[in-house]
Amino acid sequence: GLVVWGTSAMRTHGDDVAQILALLGVRPVWQPESRRIQGIEVIPISELGHPRIDVTVRISGFFRDAFPNLINLLDQAIELAASQNETPEENFILKHLQEDMARSESASGEEHSSPSDREAGVEANRATSLYRIFGSKPGTYGAGILAALDERNWETVEDLAEVYTAWGGYAYTQNDFGVSARPQFRQRFSQIVVAAKNQDT
């Protein structure tokens, strides 16, 4: 799990974004003339030297507003990593995607009325299972925790977790910009083994 702020991204020229891409096993394709990113490509597992790491990102409101292009780039990288023909041991994004989709299918336990409905349901399930970029609701900022602390409006750590989930449970992708996704937010955060916020100051 990585926390990414817009001001840090500006000061470091994208260190956090580079780290996320490296963990996913994806690299930028640069346009030589302008030194701008013109796309991304997958790093083969043999070259990567370790499994693809599943990364959940909590972006700040400023990052969301200033860098929608980077949100799109990161979502493309997540999709690219998840679409590789690799084993779950080589690709933890794919591993968690398969687990989530299997769990969702067994939980629904109902047949769609037609093959096209079933296919649409599978695609929608895949899309939400690949939510990895979360932030506050469009137009809002912060994690809600400071207000809860200032107002002494909490009693347990669970109360703070509820506030954090309520404020941060909005998913950002190329197609969905700030959709409510608290169940996916909880699922992703429950699987985080290491959480980090890079400090550049």
C-alpha atoms as a PDB file:
ATOM      1  CA  GLY A   1       0.000   0.000   0.000  1.00  0.00           C
ATOM      2  CA  LEU A   2       1.381   3.400  -1.004  1.00  0.00           C
ATOM      3  CA  VAL A   3       0.144   6.878  -0.105  1.00  0.00           C
ATOM      4  CA  VAL A   4       0.810   9.318  -2.951  1.00  0.00           C
ATOM      5  CA  TRP A   5       0.607  13.105  -2.637  1.00  0.00           C
ATOM      6  CA  GLY A   6       0.557  15.561  -5.498  1.00  0.00           C
ATOM      7  CA  THR A   7       3.098  17.949  -3.971  1.00  0.00           C
ATOM      8  CA  SER A   8       5.594  15.117  -3.462  1.00  0.00           C
ATOM      9  CA  ALA A   9       5.053  13.945  -7.027  1.00  0.00           C
ATOM     10  CA  MET A  10       5.902  17.432  -8.244  1.00  0.00           C
ATOM     11  CA  ARG A  11       8.993  17.828  -6.055  1.00  0.00           C
ATOM     12  CA  THR A  12      10.441  14.409  -6.931  1.00  0.00           C
ATOM     13  CA  HIS A  13       9.335  14.439 -10.588  1.00  0.00           C
ATOM     14  CA  GLY A  14       7.320  11.267 -10.066  1.00  0.00           C
ATOM     15  CA  ASP A  15       9.298   8.991  -7.712  1.00  0.00           C
ATOM     16  CA  ASP A  16       6.094   7.510  -6.235  1.00  0.00           C
ATOM     17  CA  VAL A  17       4.676   6.777  -9.679  1.00  0.00           C
ATOM     18  CA  ALA A  18       7.961   5.151 -10.732  1.00  0.00           C
ATOM     19  CA  GLN A  19       7.921   2.961  -7.625  1.00  0.00           C
ATOM     20  CA  ILE A  20       4.373   1.787  -8.313  1.00  0.00           C
ATOM     21  CA  LEU A  21       5.228   0.923 -11.924  1.00  0.00           C
ATOM     22  CA  ALA A  22       8.377  -0.944 -10.831  1.00  0.00           C
ATOM     23  CA  LEU A  23       6.481  -3.003  -8.258  1.00  0.00           C
ATOM     24  CA  LEU A  24       3.853  -3.898 -10.864  1.00  0.00           C
ATOM     25  CA  GLY A  25       6.610  -4.877 -13.285  1.00  0.00           C
ATOM     26  CA  VAL A  26       5.737  -2.243 -15.874  1.00  0.00           C
ATOM     27  CA  ARG A  27       7.940   0.488 -17.343  1.00  0.00           C
ATOM     28  CA  PRO A  28       7.305   3.692 -19.265  1.00  0.00           C
ATOM     29  CA  VAL A  29       7.977   3.980 -22.958  1.00  0.00           C
ATOM     30  CA  TRP A  30       9.606   7.350 -23.553  1.00  0.00           C
ATOM     31  CA  GLN A  31       9.371   9.575 -26.596  1.00  0.00           C
ATOM     32  CA  PRO A  32      13.047  10.408 -27.298  1.00  0.00           C
ATOM     33  CA  GLU A  33      12.433  13.893 -28.699  1.00  0.00           C
ATOM     34  CA  SER A  34      10.314  15.258 -25.852  1.00  0.00           C
ATOM     35  CA  ARG A  35      11.268  12.847 -23.039  1.00  0.00           C
ATOM     36  CA  ARG A  36       7.558  12.398 -22.387  1.00  0.00           C
ATOM     37  CA  ILE A  37       5.819   9.109 -21.706  1.00  0.00           C
ATOM     38  CA  GLN A  38       4.103   7.806 -24.812  1.00  0.00           C
ATOM     39  CA  GLY A  39       2.983   4.495 -23.313  1.00  0.00           C
ATOM     40  CA  ILE A  40       3.900   1.633 -21.033  1.00  0.00           C
ATOM     41  CA  GLU A  41       5.220  -1.881 -21.541  1.00  0.00           C
ATOM     42  CA  VAL A  42       5.394  -4.959 -19.381  1.00  0.00           C
ATOM     43  CA  ILE A  43       8.737  -6.123 -17.986  1.00  0.00           C
ATOM     44  CA  PRO A  44       9.082  -9.895 -18.520  1.00  0.00           C
ATOM     45  CA  ILE A  45       9.156 -11.904 -15.288  1.00  0.00           C
ATOM     46  CA  SER A  46      12.565 -13.303 -16.248  1.00  0.00           C
ATOM     47  CA  GLU A  47      13.941  -9.767 -16.373  1.00  0.00           C
ATOM     48  CA  LEU A  48      11.974  -8.522 -13.373  1.00  0.00           C
ATOM     49  CA  GLY A  49      13.480 -11.116 -11.041  1.00  0.00           C
ATOM     50  CA  HIS A  50      10.539 -11.188  -8.608  1.00  0.00           C
ATOM     51  CA  PRO A  51       6.758 -11.622  -8.727  1.00  0.00           C
ATOM     52  CA  ARG A  52       4.579  -8.707  -9.789  1.00  0.00           C
ATOM     53  CA  ILE A  53       3.563  -6.974  -6.564  1.00  0.00           C
ATOM     54  CA  ASP A  54      -0.067  -6.010  -6.057  1.00  0.00           C
ATOM     55  CA  VAL A  55      -0.080  -2.318  -5.152  1.00  0.00           C
ATOM     56  CA  THR A  56      -2.986  -0.414  -3.617  1.00  0.00           C
ATOM     57  CA  VAL A  57      -2.667   3.363  -3.905  1.00  0.00           C
ATOM     58  CA  ARG A  58      -4.277   6.032  -1.708  1.00  0.00           C
ATOM     59  CA  ILE A  59      -4.013   9.310  -3.593  1.00  0.00           C
ATOM     60  CA  SER A  60      -4.453  12.787  -2.165  1.00  0.00           C
ATOM     61  CA  GLY A  61      -7.129  15.158  -3.409  1.00  0.00           C
ATOM     62  CA  PHE A  62      -4.495  17.397  -4.931  1.00  0.00           C
ATOM     63  CA  PHE A  63      -2.943  14.462  -6.827  1.00  0.00           C
ATOM     64  CA  ARG A  64      -6.418  13.566  -8.122  1.00  0.00           C
ATOM     65  CA  ASP A  65      -7.022  17.115  -9.355  1.00  0.00           C
ATOM     66  CA  ALA A  66      -3.534  17.822 -10.727  1.00  0.00           C
ATOM     67  CA  PHE A  67      -2.664  14.491 -12.338  1.00  0.00           C
ATOM     68  CA  PRO A  68      -5.654  12.716 -13.924  1.00  0.00           C
ATOM     69  CA  ASN A  69      -3.227  11.636 -16.658  1.00  0.00           C
ATOM     70  CA  LEU A  70      -1.142   9.760 -14.073  1.00  0.00           C
ATOM     71  CA  ILE A  71      -4.241   8.107 -12.641  1.00  0.00           C
ATOM     72  CA  ASN A  72      -4.958   6.860 -16.164  1.00  0.00           C
ATOM     73  CA  LEU A  73      -1.352   5.704 -16.581  1.00  0.00           C
ATOM     74  CA  LEU A  74      -1.366   3.804 -13.284  1.00  0.00           C
ATOM     75  CA  ASP A  75      -4.705   2.192 -14.105  1.00  0.00           C
ATOM     76  CA  GLN A  76      -3.339   1.123 -17.494  1.00  0.00           C
ATOM     77  CA  ALA A  77      -0.339  -0.404 -15.706  1.00  0.00           C
ATOM     78  CA  ILE A  78      -2.604  -2.323 -13.303  1.00  0.00           C
ATOM     79  CA  GLU A  79      -4.698  -3.614 -16.202  1.00  0.00           C
ATOM     80  CA  LEU A  80      -1.584  -4.579 -18.168  1.00  0.00           C
ATOM     81  CA  ALA A  81      -0.108  -6.481 -15.212  1.00  0.00           C
ATOM     82  CA  ALA A  82      -3.407  -8.283 -14.582  1.00  0.00           C
ATOM     83  CA  SER A  83      -3.715  -9.358 -18.224  1.00  0.00           C
ATOM     84  CA  GLN A  84      -0.416 -11.260 -18.362  1.00  0.00           C
ATOM     85  CA  ASN A  85      -0.411 -15.001 -19.013  1.00  0.00           C
ATOM     86  CA  GLU A  86       1.424 -15.867 -15.809  1.00  0.00           C
ATOM     87  CA  THR A  87       0.931 -18.041 -12.757  1.00  0.00           C
ATOM     88  CA  PRO A  88      -0.523 -16.627  -9.514  1.00  0.00           C
ATOM     89  CA  GLU A  89       2.886 -17.203  -7.911  1.00  0.00           C
ATOM     90  CA  GLU A  90       4.473 -14.917 -10.511  1.00  0.00           C
ATOM     91  CA  ASN A  91       1.747 -12.282 -10.504  1.00  0.00           C
ATOM     92  CA  PHE A  92       0.022 -11.253  -7.267  1.00  0.00           C
ATOM     93  CA  ILE A  93      -2.323  -8.850  -9.079  1.00  0.00           C
ATOM     94  CA  LEU A  94      -3.613 -11.760 -11.129  1.00  0.00           C
ATOM     95  CA  LYS A  95      -3.736 -13.973  -8.015  1.00  0.00           C
ATOM     96  CA  HIS A  96      -5.942 -11.533  -6.119  1.00  0.00           C
ATOM     97  CA  LEU A  97      -8.093 -10.850  -9.182  1.00  0.00           C
ATOM     98  CA  GLN A  98      -8.821 -14.563  -9.614  1.00  0.00           C
ATOM     99  CA  GLU A  99      -9.586 -14.951  -5.896  1.00  0.00           C
ATOM    100  CA  ASP A 100     -11.917 -11.946  -5.873  1.00  0.00           C
ATOM    101  CA  MET A 101     -13.803 -13.060  -8.969  1.00  0.00           C
ATOM    102  CA  ALA A 102     -14.210 -16.612  -7.635  1.00  0.00           C
ATOM    103  CA  ARG A 103     -15.473 -15.252  -4.302  1.00  0.00           C
ATOM    104  CA  SER A 104     -17.887 -12.912  -6.058  1.00  0.00           C
ATOM    105  CA  GLU A 105     -19.265 -15.683  -8.268  1.00  0.00           C
ATOM    106  CA  SER A 106     -19.863 -18.032  -5.352  1.00  0.00           C
ATOM    107  CA  ALA A 107     -21.458 -15.207  -3.334  1.00  0.00           C
ATOM    108  CA  SER A 108     -23.904 -14.266  -6.086  1.00  0.00           C
ATOM    109  CA  GLY A 109     -24.922 -17.877  -6.688  1.00  0.00           C
ATOM    110  CA  GLU A 110     -27.318 -16.968  -9.470  1.00  0.00           C
ATOM    111  CA  GLU A 111     -27.272 -17.533 -13.204  1.00  0.00           C
ATOM    112  CA  HIS A 112     -27.631 -14.612 -15.558  1.00  0.00           C
ATOM    113  CA  SER A 113     -30.580 -14.768 -17.912  1.00  0.00           C
ATOM    114  CA  SER A 114     -28.452 -14.922 -21.040  1.00  0.00           C
ATOM    115  CA  PRO A 115     -24.809 -15.473 -22.049  1.00  0.00           C
ATOM    116  CA  SER A 116     -24.481 -11.774 -22.906  1.00  0.00           C
ATOM    117  CA  ASP A 117     -25.775 -10.791 -19.447  1.00  0.00           C
ATOM    118  CA  ARG A 118     -23.348 -13.219 -17.840  1.00  0.00           C
ATOM    119  CA  GLU A 119     -20.462 -11.830 -19.906  1.00  0.00           C
ATOM    120  CA  ALA A 120     -21.397  -8.270 -18.947  1.00  0.00           C
ATOM    121  CA  GLY A 121     -21.534  -9.314 -15.294  1.00  0.00           C
ATOM    122  CA  VAL A 122     -18.101 -10.926 -15.480  1.00  0.00           C
ATOM    123  CA  GLU A 123     -16.625  -7.805 -17.110  1.00  0.00           C
ATOM    124  CA  ALA A 124     -18.151  -5.520 -14.468  1.00  0.00           C
ATOM    125  CA  ASN A 125     -16.887  -7.821 -11.708  1.00  0.00           C
ATOM    126  CA  ARG A 126     -13.400  -7.840 -13.232  1.00  0.00           C
ATOM    127  CA  ALA A 127     -13.357  -4.044 -13.447  1.00  0.00           C
ATOM    128  CA  THR A 128     -14.305  -3.527  -9.799  1.00  0.00           C
ATOM    129  CA  SER A 129     -11.942  -6.297  -8.679  1.00  0.00           C
ATOM    130  CA  LEU A 130      -9.096  -4.341 -10.291  1.00  0.00           C
ATOM    131  CA  TYR A 131      -9.766  -1.142  -8.351  1.00  0.00           C
ATOM    132  CA  ARG A 132      -6.365  -0.226  -6.914  1.00  0.00           C
ATOM    133  CA  ILE A 133      -6.413   3.591  -6.832  1.00  0.00           C
ATOM    134  CA  PHE A 134      -8.509   5.148  -4.085  1.00  0.00           C
ATOM    135  CA  GLY A 135      -9.030   8.648  -2.789  1.00  0.00           C
ATOM    136  CA  SER A 136     -11.534  11.007  -1.291  1.00  0.00           C
ATOM    137  CA  LYS A 137     -14.772  11.873  -3.053  1.00  0.00           C
ATOM    138  CA  PRO A 138     -14.346  14.281  -5.998  1.00  0.00           C
ATOM    139  CA  GLY A 139     -14.260  17.821  -4.668  1.00  0.00           C
ATOM    140  CA  THR A 140     -13.197  16.791  -1.157  1.00  0.00           C
ATOM    141  CA  TYR A 141      -9.767  16.604   0.449  1.00  0.00           C
ATOM    142  CA  GLY A 142      -8.090  14.748   3.298  1.00  0.00           C
ATOM    143  CA  ALA A 143      -8.814  11.483   5.072  1.00  0.00           C
ATOM    144  CA  GLY A 144     -11.367  12.727   7.601  1.00  0.00           C
ATOM    145  CA  ILE A 145      -9.214  11.625  10.515  1.00  0.00           C
ATOM    146  CA  LEU A 146      -8.054  15.083  11.668  1.00  0.00           C
ATOM    147  CA  ALA A 147     -11.634  16.329  12.025  1.00  0.00           C
ATOM    148  CA  ALA A 148     -12.582  13.241  14.040  1.00  0.00           C
ATOM    149  CA  LEU A 149      -9.575  13.749  16.311  1.00  0.00           C
ATOM    150  CA  ASP A 150     -10.169  17.487  16.734  1.00  0.00           C
ATOM    151  CA  GLU A 151     -13.832  16.953  17.597  1.00  0.00           C
ATOM    152  CA  ARG A 152     -13.010  13.943  19.815  1.00  0.00           C
ATOM    153  CA  ASN A 153     -15.724  12.190  17.829  1.00  0.00           C
ATOM    154  CA  TRP A 154     -14.333   8.677  18.208  1.00  0.00           C
ATOM    155  CA  GLU A 155     -13.718   6.063  20.867  1.00  0.00           C
ATOM    156  CA  THR A 156     -11.920   3.121  19.252  1.00  0.00           C
ATOM    157  CA  VAL A 157      -9.460   2.497  16.440  1.00  0.00           C
ATOM    158  CA  GLU A 158     -12.370   0.875  14.596  1.00  0.00           C
ATOM    159  CA  ASP A 159     -14.163   4.236  14.672  1.00  0.00           C
ATOM    160  CA  LEU A 160     -11.175   5.876  12.981  1.00  0.00           C
ATOM    161  CA  ALA A 161     -11.054   3.057  10.427  1.00  0.00           C
ATOM    162  CA  GLU A 162     -14.714   3.725   9.587  1.00  0.00           C
ATOM    163  CA  VAL A 163     -13.980   7.411   9.052  1.00  0.00           C
ATOM    164  CA  TYR A 164     -10.956   6.564   6.885  1.00  0.00           C
ATOM    165  CA  THR A 165     -13.060   4.148   4.815  1.00  0.00           C
ATOM    166  CA  ALA A 166     -15.945   6.604   4.439  1.00  0.00           C
ATOM    167  CA  TRP A 167     -13.585   9.338   3.224  1.00  0.00           C
ATOM    168  CA  GLY A 168     -11.194   7.261   1.131  1.00  0.00           C
ATOM    169  CA  GLY A 169     -13.441   4.590  -0.354  1.00  0.00           C
ATOM    170  CA  TYR A 170     -13.745   6.138  -3.823  1.00  0.00           C
ATOM    171  CA  ALA A 171     -12.111   4.382  -6.771  1.00  0.00           C
ATOM    172  CA  TYR A 172     -10.331   6.090  -9.645  1.00  0.00           C
ATOM    173  CA  THR A 173      -9.687   4.438 -13.008  1.00  0.00           C
ATOM    174  CA  GLN A 174      -9.620   5.406 -16.672  1.00  0.00           C
ATOM    175  CA  ASN A 175     -13.390   4.852 -16.800  1.00  0.00           C
ATOM    176  CA  ASP A 176     -14.571   5.567 -13.254  1.00  0.00           C
ATOM    177  CA  PHE A 177     -13.624   8.853 -11.640  1.00  0.00           C
ATOM    178  CA  GLY A 178     -14.392   8.753  -7.943  1.00  0.00           C
ATOM    179  CA  VAL A 179     -17.063   6.059  -7.756  1.00  0.00           C
ATOM    180  CA  SER A 180     -18.101   4.786  -4.330  1.00  0.00           C
ATOM    181  CA  ALA A 181     -16.247   1.509  -3.761  1.00  0.00           C
ATOM    182  CA  ARG A 182     -16.104   0.884  -0.019  1.00  0.00           C
ATOM    183  CA  PRO A 183     -16.297  -2.937  -0.271  1.00  0.00           C
ATOM    184  CA  GLN A 184     -13.367  -2.996  -2.707  1.00  0.00           C
ATOM    185  CA  PHE A 185     -11.489  -0.461  -0.553  1.00  0.00           C
ATOM    186  CA  ARG A 186     -11.895  -2.705   2.494  1.00  0.00           C
ATOM    187  CA  GLN A 187     -10.862  -5.788   0.522  1.00  0.00           C
ATOM    188  CA  ARG A 188      -7.725  -4.175  -0.878  1.00  0.00           C
ATOM    189  CA  PHE A 189      -6.672  -2.709   2.452  1.00  0.00           C
ATOM    190  CA  SER A 190      -7.236  -6.034   4.232  1.00  0.00           C
ATOM    191  CA  GLN A 191      -4.580  -7.582   1.951  1.00  0.00           C
ATOM    192  CA  ILE A 192      -1.890  -4.934   2.470  1.00  0.00           C
ATOM    193  CA  VAL A 193       1.260  -6.400   3.988  1.00  0.00           C
ATOM    194  CA  VAL A 194       3.471  -3.298   3.800  1.00  0.00           C
ATOM    195  CA  ALA A 195       2.209   0.289   3.842  1.00  0.00           C
ATOM    196  CA  ALA A 196       4.454   3.246   3.031  1.00  0.00           C
ATOM    197  CA  LYS A 197       4.387   6.979   2.520  1.00  0.00           C
ATOM    198  CA  ASN A 198       7.585   8.234   0.905  1.00  0.00           C
ATOM    199  CA  GLN A 199       8.833  11.431   2.508  1.00  0.00           C
ATOM    200  CA  ASP A 200      10.851  13.599   0.171  1.00  0.00           C
ATOM    201  CA  THR A 201      11.362  16.504   2.587  1.00  0.00           C
END
